[in-house]
Amino acid sequence: MTLLLDLAIRSSILVLAGLALAAVLHRQSAALRHAVLAMTIIAAAALVPLTAIVPAWHVSLPVSIAPQVPAPRASAAPGDPGANARSLDREASAYSIASGAGTSRPAVTVIEIARIIWLAGVTVSAAVLLAGLGRLARIARRAHRVRDAEWVQTAGELQASYGLRRPVTLLQTDAGDVLATFGARCHRVLLPAQASTWSHDRIHAVLSHELAHVRRQDWLMQMGAEALRCAYWFNPLIWIACARLRCESEYACDDAVLSRGMAPRDYAFHLLELARVCRRLQKQGTLSALPMARASTLERRITVMLNPAVNRASVSSRMRVAAALLLACLSLSVAAVRAGQSGQNAPARLVGSIYDASGGVLPGVDVTLRDARDGSRTATTNARGRFEFPSVAPGSYVLEAGLYGFRTLRQDIALRTAGDWDRAITLQIGEISEKIVVSTQRVAAPTGASQAPPAPLRVGGNIRVPRRLQHVEPSYPPNMREAGREGVVPVEAVIGTDGSVTAVRVLSADVHPDFAIAAVDAVRQWKYAPTLLNRVPVEVRMTVSVEFTLSK
């Protein structure tokens, strides 16, 4: 969804620029405005491949500085008799495991809901478009080819004058309100049922208009715009651009008819007559399919065609190339721009704090930062457990931290956003391992002694999984909530033979100790029914992820 939103913003910039340019050219011909809008639609559709191949041009945006993470709670005073007990209890808690059933993560995220809504809109928009195309196809299948000499001769003369190499098929339908031209390679003109009664002037006017659509490839361009609108159905600018594209194509075809010598008043008369037929059939409950004379634009079209001051010139090659170059430069610039936070693309200080499992800071920890070229830098935590690497560029690194008595940490980190340059790390207590070898002489088996029969094998596999009897919800640490921090605590625990949680440990070092302690304190209080293997209680390990999130 982030990619879709990014493309929607970029396409909005392009479409807005195209609409503005078309408005500036209001004194120019409709053909030029249509060409500008068509190039705008093509540029918006080409954003996906252009974004992938055009080199990035980063632009920094100012952002607020992330809040500082409060230090862990201070330990009790030396004179407190329960201080040591509480410290040991918190250290043991940091090893606890949280269970997935105890998390409060919502079943569906906001991004997933937005994705579902977008897919639903695309589905509905595509279904409407396909339904319209299906209706046109059904009407065309039921229509019969026009073979009247007057129609064929007029169509042939107009095709030659328009320079059309491919023949255009004329189909007369049984519907009284259908007048449409469609097809990318095999162009077809659908005529209404009453077309056989038209006069020669009306035949010439209608075919001049429809064949102008064919010469300009308006149907193919409009279908591409409609497909783009299905993908960006939520963007009103795309809807406006599609509507303007359709209107400008009608104006441009009207100009083509008038430029062929037909009087504006005569052409307006034929247009009004066709509109009256459409309205009469609509009142009878029949909807028109792409009629030549739409009621919504009829008044505007007649006003334009009766205005002698309107520029009706076709688009010159020079103007077309100039508009294409302008929109190409704009689309390349929009595709290359990568917005980011200020300082995000410049080196910054990488700082962090290292804690033990009880939440205490760890001074004297050796921290090593390695980059992709195997270059390394080393820092040591100070008395407050803080380390710092000056001037670290964005990218992927390997962070290592080690201290005697603790497990050595090695993790991959990615520095992208401002918050990535401030780390909170928890080191876990190391494990002790010993190897003991007990050796003695082999005793030879007595000769002639009969071999004892093998002991019978016990077949198992009858297991009853644990069932939770008592659940304690983890509490969100107040200081983490005030700092606006979120985190995930992966843990592992052992369920004893009596169903209680006996041993717990945190599986990740990249966890703030306050989150780890809160998760562990809750999991250690969980109770389960004993796990039975072949009707015998056994210990079982479980792994859980406790996620601490802040809702808006």
Protein backbone atom coordinates (compact mmCIF):
# COMPACT_ATOMS: atom_id res chain seq x y z
CA MET A 1 0.00 0.00 0.00
CA THR A 2 2.93 2.33 0.60
CA LEU A 3 3.94 1.90 -3.06
CA LEU A 4 0.36 2.51 -4.23
CA LEU A 5 0.10 5.67 -2.13
CA ASP A 6 3.44 6.89 -3.47
CA LEU A 7 2.33 6.25 -7.06
CA ALA A 8 -1.02 7.93 -6.38
CA ILE A 9 0.72 11.08 -5.14
CA ARG A 10 3.10 11.13 -8.11
CA SER A 11 0.32 10.53 -10.63
CA SER A 12 -1.74 13.28 -9.00
CA ILE A 13 1.12 15.72 -9.57
CA LEU A 14 1.32 14.73 -13.24
CA VAL A 15 -2.45 14.82 -13.82
CA LEU A 16 -2.77 18.15 -12.05
CA ALA A 17 -0.02 19.58 -14.25
CA GLY A 18 -1.72 18.19 -17.37
CA LEU A 19 -5.10 19.64 -16.39
CA ALA A 20 -3.47 23.00 -15.66
CA LEU A 21 -1.69 22.98 -19.02
CA ALA A 22 -4.94 22.12 -20.81
CA ALA A 23 -6.65 25.01 -19.00
CA VAL A 24 -3.87 27.38 -20.07
CA LEU A 25 -4.43 26.25 -23.68
CA HIS A 26 -8.17 27.06 -23.58
CA ARG A 27 -7.77 29.40 -26.58
CA GLN A 28 -6.02 26.68 -28.60
CA SER A 29 -7.74 23.89 -30.48
CA ALA A 30 -9.53 21.01 -28.77
CA ALA A 31 -7.22 18.60 -30.59
CA LEU A 32 -4.20 20.12 -28.85
CA ARG A 33 -5.89 19.99 -25.42
CA HIS A 34 -6.84 16.37 -26.05
CA ALA A 35 -3.25 15.56 -27.03
CA VAL A 36 -1.98 17.14 -23.78
CA LEU A 37 -4.45 15.17 -21.68
CA ALA A 38 -3.68 11.94 -23.55
CA MET A 39 0.05 12.39 -22.94
CA THR A 40 -0.70 13.10 -19.29
CA ILE A 41 -2.59 9.81 -18.95
CA ILE A 42 0.24 7.94 -20.66
CA ALA A 43 2.81 9.59 -18.37
CA ALA A 44 0.77 8.68 -15.26
CA ALA A 45 0.54 5.06 -16.42
CA ALA A 46 4.30 4.98 -17.16
CA LEU A 47 5.21 6.00 -13.61
CA VAL A 48 5.55 2.37 -12.48
CA PRO A 49 8.34 1.40 -14.93
CA LEU A 50 9.91 4.86 -14.79
CA THR A 51 10.20 4.74 -10.99
CA ALA A 52 12.04 1.42 -11.29
CA ILE A 53 14.57 2.48 -13.95
CA VAL A 54 15.10 6.23 -13.43
CA PRO A 55 17.99 7.09 -11.05
CA ALA A 56 16.72 8.36 -7.72
CA TRP A 57 16.88 12.04 -6.85
CA HIS A 58 16.50 12.40 -3.09
CA VAL A 59 14.77 15.40 -1.54
CA SER A 60 14.94 15.84 2.23
CA LEU A 61 11.85 16.82 4.18
CA PRO A 62 12.02 18.31 7.70
CA VAL A 63 10.79 16.10 10.52
CA SER A 64 10.55 16.44 14.27
CA ILE A 65 13.25 14.84 16.37
CA ALA A 66 12.31 11.52 17.89
CA PRO A 67 11.73 11.54 21.66
CA GLN A 68 14.52 10.27 23.84
CA VAL A 69 14.02 6.94 25.54
CA PRO A 70 13.97 7.25 29.32
CA ALA A 71 16.59 5.32 31.18
CA PRO A 72 15.55 2.18 33.06
CA ARG A 73 14.23 2.61 36.58
CA ALA A 74 16.91 3.12 39.16
CA SER A 75 17.76 0.23 41.47
CA ALA A 76 16.83 0.28 45.12
CA ALA A 77 19.03 1.87 47.72
CA PRO A 78 21.73 -0.31 49.30
CA GLY A 79 19.94 -0.21 52.60
CA ASP A 80 16.74 -1.70 51.23
CA PRO A 81 16.57 -5.28 52.55
CA GLY A 82 14.41 -6.45 49.61
CA ALA A 83 16.57 -4.88 46.92
CA ASN A 84 18.62 -7.98 46.19
CA ALA A 85 15.56 -10.21 46.08
CA ARG A 86 13.74 -7.88 43.71
CA SER A 87 16.84 -7.57 41.52
CA LEU A 88 17.16 -11.34 41.28
CA ASP A 89 13.45 -11.68 40.58
CA ARG A 90 13.62 -9.09 37.74
CA GLU A 91 16.69 -10.79 36.28
CA ALA A 92 14.91 -14.13 36.26
CA SER A 93 11.87 -12.47 34.73
CA ALA A 94 13.91 -11.18 31.81
CA TYR A 95 14.33 -14.79 30.71
CA SER A 96 10.61 -15.43 30.49
CA ILE A 97 8.69 -16.34 27.36
CA ALA A 98 5.46 -14.81 26.26
CA SER A 99 2.76 -16.84 24.54
CA GLY A 100 1.14 -15.78 21.26
CA ALA A 101 -2.32 -16.28 22.74
CA GLY A 102 -1.63 -13.47 25.16
CA THR A 103 -0.82 -10.81 22.62
CA SER A 104 -3.22 -7.95 22.01
CA ARG A 105 -2.33 -7.46 18.36
CA PRO A 106 -5.43 -6.69 16.25
CA ALA A 107 -6.50 -9.35 13.79
CA VAL A 108 -6.52 -6.91 10.86
CA THR A 109 -4.22 -3.89 10.56
CA VAL A 110 -5.12 -0.53 9.07
CA ILE A 111 -2.94 -1.23 6.02
CA GLU A 112 -4.71 -4.54 5.43
CA ILE A 113 -8.12 -2.83 5.68
CA ALA A 114 -6.97 -0.15 3.21
CA ARG A 115 -5.70 -2.85 0.84
CA ILE A 116 -9.04 -4.67 0.99
CA ILE A 117 -10.95 -1.43 0.31
CA TRP A 118 -8.69 -0.61 -2.64
CA LEU A 119 -9.07 -4.09 -4.13
CA ALA A 120 -12.85 -3.87 -3.70
CA GLY A 121 -12.90 -0.52 -5.52
CA VAL A 122 -10.73 -1.88 -8.34
CA THR A 123 -13.02 -4.89 -8.66
CA VAL A 124 -16.20 -2.80 -8.82
CA SER A 125 -14.70 -0.30 -11.29
CA ALA A 126 -13.36 -3.05 -13.54
CA ALA A 127 -16.69 -4.88 -13.39
CA VAL A 128 -18.55 -1.75 -14.51
CA LEU A 129 -16.09 -1.19 -17.36
CA LEU A 130 -16.23 -4.82 -18.48
CA ALA A 131 -20.02 -4.79 -18.28
CA GLY A 132 -20.13 -1.82 -20.68
CA LEU A 133 -17.73 -3.52 -23.07
CA GLY A 134 -19.75 -6.71 -22.85
CA ARG A 135 -22.93 -4.84 -23.77
CA LEU A 136 -21.19 -3.33 -26.81
CA ALA A 137 -19.98 -6.79 -27.85
CA ARG A 138 -23.47 -8.27 -27.50
CA ILE A 139 -25.01 -5.46 -29.55
CA ALA A 140 -22.31 -5.89 -32.23
CA ARG A 141 -22.98 -9.64 -32.44
CA ARG A 142 -26.69 -9.05 -33.03
CA ALA A 143 -26.10 -6.27 -35.60
CA HIS A 144 -25.94 -6.80 -39.35
CA ARG A 145 -23.46 -5.25 -41.75
CA VAL A 146 -24.60 -2.19 -43.71
CA ARG A 147 -24.39 -2.80 -47.43
CA ASP A 148 -26.43 0.15 -48.68
CA ALA A 149 -24.62 1.79 -51.59
CA GLU A 150 -24.97 5.33 -50.21
CA TRP A 151 -23.51 4.38 -46.83
CA VAL A 152 -20.67 2.36 -48.35
CA GLN A 153 -19.76 5.07 -50.86
CA THR A 154 -19.82 7.86 -48.24
CA ALA A 155 -17.73 5.78 -45.82
CA GLY A 156 -15.18 4.97 -48.54
CA GLU A 157 -14.79 8.62 -49.53
CA LEU A 158 -14.32 9.71 -45.90
CA GLN A 159 -11.84 6.89 -45.20
CA ALA A 160 -9.76 8.02 -48.17
CA SER A 161 -9.87 11.67 -47.12
CA TYR A 162 -8.90 10.77 -43.53
CA GLY A 163 -6.07 8.55 -44.77
CA LEU A 164 -7.41 5.39 -43.08
CA ARG A 165 -5.72 2.29 -44.45
CA ARG A 166 -7.76 -0.31 -42.61
CA PRO A 167 -11.41 -0.70 -43.63
CA VAL A 168 -14.09 0.35 -41.14
CA THR A 169 -17.09 -1.96 -40.69
CA LEU A 170 -20.54 -0.33 -40.47
CA LEU A 171 -23.03 -2.29 -38.35
CA GLN A 172 -26.72 -1.45 -38.00
CA THR A 173 -28.16 -2.55 -34.66
CA ASP A 174 -31.72 -3.26 -33.54
CA ALA A 175 -31.43 -0.59 -30.80
CA GLY A 176 -32.58 2.92 -31.42
CA ASP A 177 -30.13 4.71 -29.13
CA VAL A 178 -26.75 3.17 -30.06
CA LEU A 179 -24.23 5.25 -31.97
CA ALA A 180 -20.67 4.30 -31.09
CA THR A 181 -17.26 3.56 -32.56
CA PHE A 182 -14.97 0.99 -30.96
CA GLY A 183 -12.06 -1.28 -31.75
CA ALA A 184 -8.28 -0.90 -31.73
CA ARG A 185 -7.36 -2.67 -34.98
CA CYS A 186 -10.69 -3.71 -36.49
CA HIS A 187 -12.76 -0.56 -36.17
CA ARG A 188 -16.54 -0.89 -36.09
CA VAL A 189 -19.22 1.80 -36.15
CA LEU A 190 -22.51 0.85 -34.51
CA LEU A 191 -25.51 2.63 -36.04
CA PRO A 192 -29.03 2.89 -34.59
CA ALA A 193 -32.02 1.08 -36.07
CA GLN A 194 -33.42 4.23 -37.71
CA ALA A 195 -30.13 5.00 -39.54
CA SER A 196 -31.56 3.63 -42.81
CA THR A 197 -33.99 6.58 -42.93
CA TRP A 198 -31.33 9.28 -42.56
CA SER A 199 -30.70 11.87 -45.21
CA HIS A 200 -27.41 12.10 -47.10
CA ASP A 201 -26.32 15.16 -45.08
CA ARG A 202 -26.91 13.36 -41.78
CA ILE A 203 -25.09 10.26 -43.00
CA HIS A 204 -22.15 12.45 -43.99
CA ALA A 205 -22.18 14.31 -40.64
CA VAL A 206 -22.36 11.13 -38.53
CA LEU A 207 -19.71 9.23 -40.47
CA SER A 208 -17.40 12.27 -40.53
CA HIS A 209 -17.60 12.46 -36.74
CA GLU A 210 -17.19 8.73 -36.10
CA LEU A 211 -14.36 8.24 -38.59
CA ALA A 212 -12.58 11.20 -37.01
CA HIS A 213 -12.60 9.14 -33.79
CA VAL A 214 -11.08 6.24 -35.73
CA ARG A 215 -8.32 8.40 -37.25
CA ARG A 216 -7.45 9.86 -33.84
CA GLN A 217 -7.54 6.44 -32.07
CA ASP A 218 -9.82 7.97 -29.43
CA TRP A 219 -11.36 4.65 -28.36
CA LEU A 220 -7.98 3.09 -27.55
CA MET A 221 -6.88 6.17 -25.63
CA GLN A 222 -10.15 6.38 -23.71
CA MET A 223 -9.99 2.69 -22.74
CA GLY A 224 -6.44 3.19 -21.44
CA ALA A 225 -7.64 6.14 -19.37
CA GLU A 226 -10.56 4.08 -18.02
CA ALA A 227 -8.17 1.27 -17.04
CA LEU A 228 -6.01 3.77 -15.17
CA ARG A 229 -9.12 5.11 -13.45
CA CYS A 230 -9.94 1.58 -12.26
CA ALA A 231 -6.56 1.37 -10.52
CA TYR A 232 -6.82 4.91 -9.07
CA TRP A 233 -10.59 4.91 -8.48
CA PHE A 234 -10.07 6.81 -5.22
CA ASN A 235 -8.30 9.74 -6.93
CA PRO A 236 -10.75 12.45 -8.08
CA LEU A 237 -8.11 14.01 -10.35
CA ILE A 238 -8.05 10.85 -12.48
CA TRP A 239 -11.84 10.97 -12.82
CA ILE A 240 -11.66 14.62 -13.90
CA ALA A 241 -8.91 13.86 -16.41
CA CYS A 242 -10.92 10.98 -17.94
CA ALA A 243 -14.02 13.15 -18.25
CA ARG A 244 -12.06 16.02 -19.80
CA LEU A 245 -10.35 13.62 -22.20
CA ARG A 246 -13.73 12.34 -23.40
CA CYS A 247 -15.12 15.86 -23.84
CA GLU A 248 -12.07 17.16 -25.69
CA SER A 249 -12.19 14.19 -28.07
CA GLU A 250 -15.81 15.05 -28.94
CA TYR A 251 -14.92 18.71 -29.47
CA ALA A 252 -11.95 17.72 -31.66
CA CYS A 253 -14.14 15.45 -33.82
CA ASP A 254 -16.75 18.20 -34.13
CA ASP A 255 -13.97 20.51 -35.33
CA ALA A 256 -12.93 17.87 -37.87
CA VAL A 257 -16.50 17.72 -39.24
CA LEU A 258 -16.79 21.51 -39.50
CA SER A 259 -13.36 21.82 -41.10
CA ARG A 260 -14.62 19.57 -43.93
CA GLY A 261 -17.06 22.27 -45.04
CA MET A 262 -20.27 21.44 -43.19
CA ALA A 263 -22.13 24.51 -41.96
CA PRO A 264 -22.18 24.82 -38.14
CA ARG A 265 -25.95 25.37 -38.06
CA ASP A 266 -26.63 22.26 -40.17
CA TYR A 267 -24.32 20.17 -38.03
CA ALA A 268 -25.94 21.48 -34.83
CA PHE A 269 -29.38 20.62 -36.27
CA HIS A 270 -28.35 16.98 -36.90
CA LEU A 271 -26.85 16.79 -33.41
CA LEU A 272 -30.06 18.07 -31.80
CA GLU A 273 -32.18 15.58 -33.76
CA LEU A 274 -30.03 12.69 -32.58
CA ALA A 275 -30.21 13.97 -29.01
CA ARG A 276 -34.02 14.13 -29.17
CA VAL A 277 -34.16 10.47 -30.22
CA CYS A 278 -31.85 9.50 -27.35
CA ARG A 279 -33.93 11.39 -24.79
CA ARG A 280 -37.17 9.86 -26.07
CA LEU A 281 -35.74 6.36 -25.78
CA GLN A 282 -34.32 7.09 -22.33
CA LYS A 283 -37.77 8.11 -21.12
CA GLN A 284 -38.98 4.71 -22.31
CA GLY A 285 -36.42 3.06 -19.99
CA THR A 286 -33.62 2.38 -22.48
CA LEU A 287 -30.10 3.58 -21.59
CA SER A 288 -27.80 4.84 -24.31
CA ALA A 289 -24.39 3.30 -24.94
CA LEU A 290 -21.80 5.94 -25.80
CA PRO A 291 -24.15 8.08 -27.90
CA MET A 292 -22.78 10.68 -30.27
CA ALA A 293 -24.85 13.39 -28.58
CA ARG A 294 -24.65 13.24 -24.78
CA ALA A 295 -27.14 15.45 -23.00
CA SER A 296 -24.52 16.48 -20.45
CA THR A 297 -22.22 17.99 -23.10
CA LEU A 298 -24.72 18.81 -25.85
CA GLU A 299 -25.23 22.45 -24.91
CA ARG A 300 -21.51 23.09 -24.59
CA ARG A 301 -20.77 21.36 -27.92
CA ILE A 302 -23.38 23.38 -29.80
CA THR A 303 -22.13 26.60 -28.21
CA VAL A 304 -18.57 25.82 -29.30
CA MET A 305 -19.49 24.81 -32.86
CA LEU A 306 -21.56 27.97 -33.38
CA ASN A 307 -18.73 30.22 -32.15
CA PRO A 308 -16.74 31.43 -35.20
CA ALA A 309 -13.81 32.55 -33.03
CA VAL A 310 -12.98 29.00 -31.85
CA ASN A 311 -9.65 27.60 -33.03
CA ARG A 312 -10.43 24.42 -34.99
CA ALA A 313 -6.94 23.69 -36.30
CA SER A 314 -5.47 20.23 -36.01
CA VAL A 315 -2.39 19.62 -33.89
CA SER A 316 0.82 20.47 -35.66
CA SER A 317 3.83 18.21 -35.29
CA ARG A 318 5.77 21.02 -33.60
CA MET A 319 3.12 21.57 -30.94
CA ARG A 320 2.73 17.85 -30.34
CA VAL A 321 6.48 17.39 -29.88
CA ALA A 322 6.72 20.42 -27.56
CA ALA A 323 3.90 19.16 -25.36
CA ALA A 324 5.39 15.66 -25.32
CA LEU A 325 8.83 16.95 -24.30
CA LEU A 326 7.37 19.11 -21.55
CA LEU A 327 5.34 16.26 -20.06
CA ALA A 328 8.26 13.83 -20.49
CA CYS A 329 10.56 16.10 -18.50
CA LEU A 330 7.91 16.48 -15.81
CA SER A 331 7.21 12.74 -15.63
CA LEU A 332 10.92 11.88 -15.41
CA SER A 333 11.39 14.43 -12.64
CA VAL A 334 8.40 13.13 -10.71
CA ALA A 335 9.55 9.52 -11.14
CA ALA A 336 13.08 10.36 -9.96
CA VAL A 337 12.14 12.29 -6.82
CA ARG A 338 12.48 10.33 -3.59
CA ALA A 339 11.17 12.21 -0.59
CA GLY A 340 12.86 11.53 2.72
CA GLN A 341 13.38 12.93 6.16
CA SER A 342 15.94 15.64 6.65
CA GLY A 343 19.31 14.16 7.37
CA GLN A 344 18.10 10.73 6.32
CA ASN A 345 20.51 10.54 3.38
CA ALA A 346 23.43 12.19 5.17
CA PRO A 347 25.69 10.51 7.75
CA ALA A 348 24.51 10.83 11.35
CA ARG A 349 25.59 9.73 14.82
CA LEU A 350 24.73 6.13 15.67
CA VAL A 351 24.14 5.98 19.41
CA GLY A 352 22.62 3.45 21.76
CA SER A 353 22.39 2.04 25.25
CA ILE A 354 23.24 -1.48 26.39
CA TYR A 355 21.46 -3.08 29.35
CA ASP A 356 21.53 -6.39 31.16
CA ALA A 357 18.45 -8.55 31.65
CA SER A 358 17.49 -6.73 34.87
CA GLY A 359 17.46 -3.33 33.20
CA GLY A 360 20.81 -2.12 34.54
CA VAL A 361 23.22 -0.33 32.21
CA LEU A 362 26.41 -2.12 31.16
CA PRO A 363 29.62 -0.02 30.99
CA GLY A 364 32.74 -1.34 29.31
CA VAL A 365 30.96 -3.27 26.53
CA ASP A 366 32.98 -3.51 23.31
CA VAL A 367 30.73 -2.63 20.35
CA THR A 368 31.81 -3.24 16.74
CA LEU A 369 30.05 -1.90 13.64
CA ARG A 370 30.82 -3.60 10.31
CA ASP A 371 29.67 -2.43 6.87
CA ALA A 372 29.15 -4.30 3.60
CA ARG A 373 32.79 -3.72 2.54
CA ASP A 374 34.05 -5.41 5.71
CA GLY A 375 35.15 -2.11 7.19
CA SER A 376 34.75 -2.02 10.96
CA ARG A 377 34.69 0.54 13.76
CA THR A 378 34.80 -0.09 17.49
CA ALA A 379 33.36 1.80 20.45
CA THR A 380 33.04 1.08 24.18
CA THR A 381 30.07 1.93 26.38
CA ASN A 382 30.65 4.60 29.00
CA ALA A 383 29.62 4.58 32.67
CA ARG A 384 25.98 5.13 31.65
CA GLY A 385 26.02 2.22 29.18
CA ARG A 386 26.00 4.53 26.13
CA PHE A 387 28.02 4.02 22.96
CA GLU A 388 28.44 6.29 19.95
CA PHE A 389 29.67 6.00 16.36
CA PRO A 390 30.03 9.43 14.73
CA SER A 391 29.06 9.98 11.09
CA VAL A 392 27.42 6.70 10.05
CA ALA A 393 25.83 6.76 6.57
CA PRO A 394 22.51 5.07 5.81
CA GLY A 395 22.77 1.43 4.82
CA SER A 396 22.98 -2.12 6.16
CA TYR A 397 25.46 -3.03 8.91
CA VAL A 398 26.35 -5.80 11.34
CA LEU A 399 26.46 -4.76 15.02
CA GLU A 400 28.45 -6.85 17.50
CA ALA A 401 28.61 -6.38 21.27
CA GLY A 402 30.39 -8.54 23.82
CA LEU A 403 31.21 -8.55 27.55
CA TYR A 404 32.67 -11.31 29.71
CA GLY A 405 29.90 -13.38 31.28
CA PHE A 406 27.31 -12.41 28.65
CA ARG A 407 26.37 -13.90 25.30
CA THR A 408 28.03 -12.17 22.36
CA LEU A 409 25.47 -10.23 20.33
CA ARG A 410 25.65 -10.24 16.54
CA GLN A 411 22.74 -8.72 14.61
CA ASP A 412 22.04 -7.18 11.20
CA ILE A 413 20.72 -3.61 11.35
CA ALA A 414 19.39 -1.30 8.62
CA LEU A 415 19.75 2.46 8.99
CA ARG A 416 16.92 4.07 6.99
CA THR A 417 14.74 6.37 9.08
CA ALA A 418 15.75 8.80 11.83
CA GLY A 419 14.81 6.40 14.63
CA ASP A 420 17.25 3.73 13.37
CA TRP A 421 20.25 5.73 14.59
CA ASP A 422 19.23 5.27 18.27
CA ARG A 423 19.45 1.65 19.50
CA ALA A 424 18.42 -0.09 22.73
CA ILE A 425 20.20 -3.43 23.27
CA THR A 426 19.90 -6.04 26.03
CA LEU A 427 22.66 -8.61 26.58
CA GLN A 428 21.71 -12.02 27.98
CA ILE A 429 23.72 -13.97 30.53
CA GLY A 430 26.04 -16.50 28.92
CA GLU A 431 25.68 -20.26 29.17
CA ILE A 432 28.14 -22.59 30.92
CA SER A 433 29.09 -25.75 29.06
CA GLU A 434 31.35 -28.59 30.16
CA LYS A 435 32.36 -31.88 28.57
CA ILE A 436 33.11 -34.94 30.75
CA VAL A 437 34.44 -38.20 29.27
CA VAL A 438 34.21 -41.39 31.39
CA SER A 439 36.38 -44.25 30.05
CA THR A 440 36.92 -47.87 31.17
CA GLN A 441 37.92 -51.19 29.67
CA ARG A 442 35.43 -53.16 27.57
CA VAL A 443 34.22 -56.41 29.18
CA ALA A 444 34.33 -59.33 26.80
CA ALA A 445 31.08 -61.25 26.46
CA PRO A 446 31.26 -64.83 27.87
CA THR A 447 31.72 -67.44 25.16
CA GLY A 448 28.98 -69.92 24.65
CA ALA A 449 26.55 -67.91 26.71
CA SER A 450 23.15 -67.57 25.23
CA GLN A 451 22.21 -64.09 24.11
CA ALA A 452 19.48 -62.48 26.19
CA PRO A 453 16.31 -61.84 24.19
CA PRO A 454 15.88 -58.17 23.21
CA ALA A 455 13.62 -56.10 25.45
CA PRO A 456 10.23 -55.33 23.93
CA LEU A 457 9.90 -51.86 22.35
CA ARG A 458 7.40 -49.40 23.86
CA VAL A 459 5.34 -47.63 21.18
CA GLY A 460 4.35 -44.06 22.12
CA GLY A 461 2.93 -41.00 20.43
CA ASN A 462 -0.22 -40.51 22.51
CA ILE A 463 0.11 -36.86 23.52
CA ARG A 464 -2.28 -34.35 25.05
CA VAL A 465 -1.32 -30.73 24.33
CA PRO A 466 -1.32 -28.22 27.21
CA ARG A 467 -4.42 -26.16 27.84
CA ARG A 468 -4.10 -22.74 29.46
CA LEU A 469 -5.93 -22.43 32.78
CA GLN A 470 -4.75 -19.00 33.97
CA HIS A 471 -3.79 -16.00 31.79
CA VAL A 472 -2.23 -12.72 32.91
CA GLU A 473 -2.15 -9.85 30.40
CA PRO A 474 1.24 -8.07 30.07
CA SER A 475 1.22 -4.43 31.22
CA TYR A 476 2.57 -1.70 28.96
CA PRO A 477 5.59 -0.04 30.71
CA PRO A 478 4.52 3.55 31.56
CA ASN A 479 7.88 5.09 30.66
CA MET A 480 7.85 3.34 27.26
CA ARG A 481 4.33 4.62 26.61
CA GLU A 482 5.35 8.18 27.50
CA ALA A 483 8.36 7.91 25.17
CA GLY A 484 6.16 6.63 22.35
CA ARG A 485 8.20 3.43 22.06
CA GLU A 486 6.88 0.14 20.65
CA GLY A 487 8.52 -3.26 20.66
CA VAL A 488 8.26 -7.00 20.17
CA VAL A 489 9.59 -9.42 22.78
CA PRO A 490 10.21 -12.98 21.51
CA VAL A 491 10.53 -15.37 24.43
CA GLU A 492 10.84 -19.08 25.20
CA ALA A 493 9.47 -20.82 28.29
CA VAL A 494 9.25 -24.29 29.77
CA ILE A 495 5.92 -25.64 31.03
CA GLY A 496 6.64 -28.02 33.90
CA THR A 497 4.99 -31.34 34.63
CA ASP A 498 2.59 -29.59 37.00
CA GLY A 499 1.52 -27.04 34.32
CA SER A 500 3.40 -24.05 35.76
CA VAL A 501 5.94 -22.00 33.80
CA THR A 502 9.29 -22.98 35.28
CA ALA A 503 11.96 -21.39 33.06
CA VAL A 504 11.81 -18.37 30.78
CA ARG A 505 14.31 -16.56 28.59
CA VAL A 506 14.19 -13.72 26.07
CA LEU A 507 15.29 -14.77 22.57
CA SER A 508 16.34 -11.38 21.16
CA ALA A 509 18.90 -8.87 22.32
CA ASP A 510 17.31 -6.01 20.38
CA VAL A 511 14.65 -5.49 23.07
CA HIS A 512 14.41 -2.76 25.67
CA PRO A 513 14.63 -4.34 29.15
CA ASP A 514 11.43 -2.66 30.33
CA PHE A 515 9.50 -4.44 27.58
CA ALA A 516 11.25 -7.73 28.36
CA ILE A 517 10.49 -7.48 32.09
CA ALA A 518 6.82 -6.63 31.49
CA ALA A 519 6.40 -9.60 29.14
CA VAL A 520 8.24 -12.02 31.41
CA ASP A 521 6.39 -10.98 34.58
CA ALA A 522 3.09 -11.83 32.90
CA VAL A 523 4.14 -15.12 31.31
CA ARG A 524 5.62 -16.51 34.56
CA GLN A 525 2.16 -16.31 36.11
CA TRP A 526 0.45 -18.39 33.41
CA LYS A 527 -0.87 -21.83 34.37
CA TYR A 528 -1.52 -24.80 32.08
CA ALA A 529 -3.00 -28.24 32.36
CA PRO A 530 -0.11 -30.75 32.41
CA THR A 531 1.11 -32.02 29.06
CA LEU A 532 0.64 -35.79 28.90
CA LEU A 533 2.75 -38.04 26.68
CA ASN A 534 1.43 -41.57 26.82
CA ARG A 535 -0.51 -40.50 29.94
CA VAL A 536 2.68 -39.36 31.70
CA PRO A 537 3.22 -35.65 32.55
CA VAL A 538 6.20 -34.19 30.65
CA GLU A 539 7.86 -30.82 30.29
CA VAL A 540 7.28 -28.88 27.06
CA ARG A 541 8.83 -25.77 25.53
CA MET A 542 6.81 -22.96 24.03
CA THR A 543 7.79 -19.85 22.09
CA VAL A 544 5.68 -16.73 22.02
CA SER A 545 5.98 -13.17 20.68
CA VAL A 546 4.62 -10.37 22.85
CA GLU A 547 4.04 -7.21 20.82
CA PHE A 548 3.69 -3.83 22.53
CA THR A 549 1.94 -1.35 20.23
CA LEU A 550 0.46 2.11 20.68
CA SER A 551 -2.91 2.83 19.12
CA LYS A 552 -3.69 6.27 17.69
